[in-house]
Amino acid sequence: MLRSAGCVFAEDEATILRDAAGGDAGLLQRLCVRRIHGEPLEHVVGWVAFAGRRLSVGPGVFVPRRRSELLAAVTLGAAAQIREPTVLEDYCGVAPIAATVAAHLPAAHVHATDIDEHALVHARRNVGDDRVYRGDGLAGVPTDLRGAITVLAAVPPYVPAGALALLPHEAAEHEPRRALLAGADGLDEVRRLIVDAHAWLAPGGHLAIEMNTTQADVIAAEAGENHTVARFADADGQTAVLRLTCTGG
């Protein structure tokens, strides 16, 4: 049934769906119907595997991608150099980066923020109620964190507006567009974050942002005058993380 609906990893998905149903045949049927109708598997079962952990997700929210484990690693690497780092994940969605840092660095003060209340329901489950804030960009972050964040990490929306038709139908039809699209070149929110982050980062603090490798070329050139730029790429060479450290301007 899953195979005929076009699920490439039908056998693996069937196992996950059976586990989610817990022996309830009626529930299993309902879960399979949702999947066959194109709903993302993660939305159907309520969790996503990320960096070796299961994180809560649900219908209508952006599902963390495996490629973002690179950003998690870069963020962990930067935070681990500091005795008690303060880490913030902006545009957090369900907060996969914040949850990963919290799991691996108990001494870290971890925070997350997003504008989407539906996603924040899951972020609170993944990180904790008292460390998750709601607001546009950095607007919802408590003011006592201004100038105190040592690592600010983000997967802002970075799909160009004209590329919506190129996205997998699961993303285009079941995830919020504001978590995907960001202007003509996809970099509106990236540029905004680079400007806004200055007031929130501690001296020598890092801003780590995921984007497409071609976009990374553009941003590295734009930011290079006022930042030191370290670049990291995933194995397939399509996703990049830029780690920016402000040097002035």
Protein backbone atom coordinates (compact mmCIF):
# COMPACT_ATOMS: atom_id res chain seq x y z
CA MET A 1 0.00 0.00 0.00
CA LEU A 2 2.74 2.46 0.92
CA ARG A 3 4.88 1.35 -1.98
CA SER A 4 2.07 1.88 -4.48
CA ALA A 5 1.53 5.36 -3.04
CA GLY A 6 5.12 6.26 -3.96
CA CYS A 7 6.85 5.90 -0.58
CA VAL A 8 10.47 5.14 -1.50
CA PHE A 9 11.30 3.54 1.87
CA ALA A 10 7.95 1.79 2.22
CA GLU A 11 9.19 -1.12 4.35
CA ASP A 12 10.96 1.15 6.83
CA GLU A 13 7.95 3.44 7.01
CA ALA A 14 5.63 0.50 7.58
CA THR A 15 7.70 -0.53 10.59
CA ILE A 16 7.57 2.99 12.03
CA LEU A 17 3.82 3.22 11.49
CA ARG A 18 3.23 -0.17 13.13
CA ASP A 19 5.26 0.92 16.15
CA ALA A 20 3.29 4.17 16.36
CA ALA A 21 0.00 2.27 16.26
CA GLY A 22 1.03 0.08 19.17
CA GLY A 23 -0.98 -2.91 18.00
CA ASP A 24 -4.17 -0.94 17.37
CA ALA A 25 -5.28 -2.06 13.89
CA GLY A 26 -7.73 0.79 13.49
CA LEU A 27 -5.14 3.37 14.41
CA LEU A 28 -2.63 1.78 12.05
CA GLN A 29 -5.15 2.06 9.22
CA ARG A 30 -5.73 5.74 9.97
CA LEU A 31 -2.02 6.47 10.12
CA CYS A 32 -1.42 4.69 6.82
CA VAL A 33 -4.23 6.62 5.15
CA ARG A 34 -2.70 9.91 6.27
CA ARG A 35 0.70 8.86 4.92
CA ILE A 36 -0.74 7.62 1.62
CA HIS A 37 -2.47 10.97 1.18
CA GLY A 38 0.92 12.66 1.29
CA GLU A 39 1.28 13.85 4.87
CA PRO A 40 4.91 13.73 6.02
CA LEU A 41 5.72 10.59 8.00
CA GLU A 42 7.02 12.72 10.87
CA HIS A 43 3.71 14.57 11.12
CA VAL A 44 1.85 11.28 11.13
CA VAL A 45 3.83 9.60 13.92
CA GLY A 46 4.62 12.75 15.91
CA TRP A 47 8.41 12.58 16.00
CA VAL A 48 11.52 13.10 13.91
CA ALA A 49 14.93 11.48 14.29
CA PHE A 50 17.60 14.17 14.67
CA ALA A 51 21.20 13.80 15.80
CA GLY A 52 20.48 10.47 17.47
CA ARG A 53 17.38 11.60 19.36
CA ARG A 54 13.63 11.64 18.78
CA LEU A 55 12.14 15.12 18.79
CA SER A 56 8.48 16.02 18.98
CA VAL A 57 6.85 17.34 15.79
CA GLY A 58 3.27 17.54 14.56
CA PRO A 59 1.00 18.54 11.70
CA GLY A 60 1.55 21.97 10.20
CA VAL A 61 5.09 22.51 11.47
CA PHE A 62 8.45 22.53 9.72
CA VAL A 63 10.17 19.16 10.05
CA PRO A 64 13.89 19.40 10.89
CA ARG A 65 16.03 18.04 8.08
CA ARG A 66 18.89 15.63 8.52
CA ARG A 67 21.15 18.16 6.79
CA SER A 68 20.71 20.50 9.77
CA GLU A 69 22.76 18.11 11.89
CA LEU A 70 25.72 19.99 10.38
CA LEU A 71 24.52 23.19 12.02
CA ALA A 72 24.04 21.31 15.28
CA ALA A 73 27.63 20.07 15.10
CA VAL A 74 29.00 23.54 14.32
CA THR A 75 27.00 25.04 17.17
CA LEU A 76 28.16 22.35 19.59
CA GLY A 77 31.75 22.84 18.52
CA ALA A 78 31.63 26.57 19.14
CA ALA A 79 29.73 26.30 22.43
CA ALA A 80 32.04 23.59 23.78
CA GLN A 81 34.94 26.07 23.78
CA ILE A 82 33.20 28.15 26.44
CA ARG A 83 32.83 27.12 30.09
CA GLU A 84 29.15 28.11 30.46
CA PRO A 85 27.93 29.08 27.01
CA THR A 86 24.66 30.84 26.35
CA VAL A 87 23.17 29.41 23.16
CA LEU A 88 20.11 30.70 21.33
CA GLU A 89 18.37 29.03 18.39
CA ASP A 90 16.45 31.60 16.34
CA TYR A 91 13.80 30.58 13.79
CA CYS A 92 13.82 27.47 15.92
CA GLY A 93 10.67 25.66 14.80
CA VAL A 94 10.64 22.60 17.06
CA ALA A 95 14.14 23.59 18.32
CA PRO A 96 16.36 20.76 17.06
CA ILE A 97 19.61 22.68 17.53
CA ALA A 98 18.74 23.89 21.01
CA ALA A 99 17.62 20.38 22.02
CA THR A 100 20.86 18.87 20.72
CA VAL A 101 23.04 21.38 22.56
CA ALA A 102 21.08 20.89 25.78
CA ALA A 103 21.51 17.12 25.53
CA HIS A 104 25.27 17.26 24.96
CA LEU A 105 26.33 20.30 27.01
CA PRO A 106 24.58 20.26 30.40
CA ALA A 107 26.46 23.41 31.46
CA ALA A 108 25.04 25.41 28.56
CA HIS A 109 22.27 27.95 29.03
CA VAL A 110 20.07 27.07 26.06
CA HIS A 111 17.23 29.15 24.63
CA ALA A 112 15.04 29.07 21.52
CA THR A 113 12.64 31.45 19.78
CA ASP A 114 10.21 31.41 16.86
CA ILE A 115 7.08 33.21 15.73
CA ASP A 116 5.03 30.06 15.08
CA GLU A 117 3.07 29.02 18.17
CA HIS A 118 2.23 25.62 16.64
CA ALA A 119 5.94 24.83 16.34
CA LEU A 120 6.66 26.20 19.81
CA VAL A 121 4.32 23.64 21.36
CA HIS A 122 6.83 21.03 20.23
CA ALA A 123 9.88 23.19 20.98
CA ARG A 124 8.76 23.38 24.62
CA ARG A 125 8.56 19.60 24.75
CA ASN A 126 12.01 19.29 23.22
CA VAL A 127 13.78 22.01 25.22
CA GLY A 128 11.64 23.10 28.17
CA ASP A 129 8.91 25.70 28.69
CA ASP A 130 11.06 28.26 30.46
CA ARG A 131 13.64 28.48 27.69
CA VAL A 132 11.37 28.96 24.66
CA TYR A 133 10.08 32.35 23.55
CA ARG A 134 7.69 33.61 20.92
CA GLY A 135 8.47 36.52 18.65
CA ASP A 136 9.38 37.66 15.15
CA GLY A 137 13.11 37.18 14.67
CA LEU A 138 14.71 38.12 17.98
CA ALA A 139 11.83 40.30 19.20
CA GLY A 140 10.60 37.81 21.78
CA VAL A 141 13.97 37.13 23.43
CA PRO A 142 14.28 38.45 27.03
CA THR A 143 16.27 41.67 27.15
CA ASP A 144 18.64 40.27 29.77
CA LEU A 145 20.14 38.11 27.02
CA ARG A 146 21.09 41.17 24.98
CA GLY A 147 24.86 41.18 24.60
CA ALA A 148 25.16 37.84 26.41
CA ILE A 149 24.64 35.18 23.72
CA THR A 150 27.84 33.33 22.92
CA VAL A 151 26.45 31.21 20.05
CA LEU A 152 23.38 32.16 18.04
CA ALA A 153 22.30 29.42 15.61
CA ALA A 154 19.55 29.47 13.00
CA VAL A 155 17.99 27.74 10.05
CA PRO A 156 16.06 30.73 8.69
CA PRO A 157 13.79 30.20 5.70
CA TYR A 158 16.07 30.32 2.67
CA VAL A 159 14.10 29.04 -0.31
CA PRO A 160 13.65 31.72 -3.02
CA ALA A 161 10.01 32.66 -3.45
CA GLY A 162 10.03 31.58 -7.08
CA ALA A 163 11.25 28.09 -6.21
CA LEU A 164 8.15 26.92 -4.34
CA ALA A 165 7.16 24.63 -7.20
CA LEU A 166 10.53 22.87 -6.96
CA LEU A 167 10.02 21.78 -3.36
CA PRO A 168 8.87 18.25 -2.52
CA HIS A 169 5.10 18.20 -2.31
CA GLU A 170 5.26 17.17 1.35
CA ALA A 171 7.00 20.43 2.20
CA ALA A 172 5.01 22.67 -0.13
CA GLU A 173 1.65 21.30 1.00
CA HIS A 174 2.17 20.52 4.68
CA GLU A 175 4.74 22.95 6.09
CA PRO A 176 4.21 26.69 6.73
CA ARG A 177 5.50 28.78 3.86
CA ARG A 178 6.99 31.38 6.17
CA ALA A 179 9.32 28.63 7.42
CA LEU A 180 10.43 27.95 3.83
CA LEU A 181 10.37 31.07 1.65
CA ALA A 182 12.39 34.27 2.09
CA GLY A 183 12.26 36.71 -0.80
CA ALA A 184 13.56 36.74 -4.33
CA ASP A 185 16.94 35.15 -3.57
CA GLY A 186 15.89 33.39 -0.37
CA LEU A 187 18.16 35.52 1.78
CA ASP A 188 15.86 38.15 3.26
CA GLU A 189 15.77 36.56 6.72
CA VAL A 190 19.46 35.62 6.67
CA ARG A 191 20.44 39.23 6.03
CA ARG A 192 18.04 40.48 8.66
CA LEU A 193 19.44 38.10 11.25
CA ILE A 194 23.04 39.12 10.55
CA VAL A 195 22.14 42.75 11.23
CA ASP A 196 19.98 42.07 14.29
CA ALA A 197 22.39 39.60 15.89
CA HIS A 198 25.02 42.26 16.64
CA ALA A 199 23.07 43.59 19.63
CA TRP A 200 22.53 40.15 21.11
CA LEU A 201 25.93 38.50 20.77
CA ALA A 202 28.53 38.67 23.51
CA PRO A 203 31.97 40.00 22.51
CA GLY A 204 33.55 37.33 20.33
CA GLY A 205 30.24 35.52 20.02
CA HIS A 206 29.38 33.45 16.96
CA LEU A 207 26.42 33.47 14.59
CA ALA A 208 25.96 30.13 12.78
CA ILE A 209 23.48 30.01 9.90
CA GLU A 210 22.44 27.24 7.50
CA MET A 211 21.77 27.97 3.84
CA ASN A 212 22.38 26.65 0.33
CA THR A 213 26.02 26.59 -0.75
CA THR A 214 25.42 29.08 -3.57
CA GLN A 215 23.74 31.44 -1.12
CA ALA A 216 26.67 30.98 1.26
CA ASP A 217 28.99 32.40 -1.39
CA VAL A 218 26.83 35.52 -1.55
CA ILE A 219 26.54 36.00 2.21
CA ALA A 220 30.23 35.30 2.85
CA ALA A 221 31.12 38.04 0.38
CA GLU A 222 28.61 40.48 1.90
CA ALA A 223 29.55 39.78 5.51
CA GLY A 224 33.30 39.44 5.06
CA GLU A 225 34.11 43.10 5.60
CA ASN A 226 32.73 43.14 9.14
CA HIS A 227 33.05 39.49 10.15
CA THR A 228 35.47 36.64 10.19
CA VAL A 229 33.78 33.85 8.27
CA ALA A 230 34.22 30.12 8.72
CA ARG A 231 32.45 27.87 6.25
CA PHE A 232 31.30 24.27 6.68
CA ALA A 233 29.69 22.06 4.03
CA ASP A 234 27.74 18.82 4.20
CA ALA A 235 28.80 15.65 2.42
CA ASP A 236 26.75 16.28 -0.71
CA GLY A 237 28.01 19.83 -1.04
CA GLN A 238 24.55 21.37 -1.28
CA THR A 239 24.11 22.72 2.23
CA ALA A 240 26.51 25.07 4.00
CA VAL A 241 26.82 26.58 7.44
CA LEU A 242 28.49 29.95 7.85
CA ARG A 243 29.89 30.79 11.27
CA LEU A 244 30.25 34.56 11.51
CA THR A 245 32.16 36.38 14.21
CA CYS A 246 31.74 40.15 14.25
CA THR A 247 34.93 42.18 13.87
CA GLY A 248 33.28 45.60 13.64
CA GLY A 249 30.90 47.68 11.58
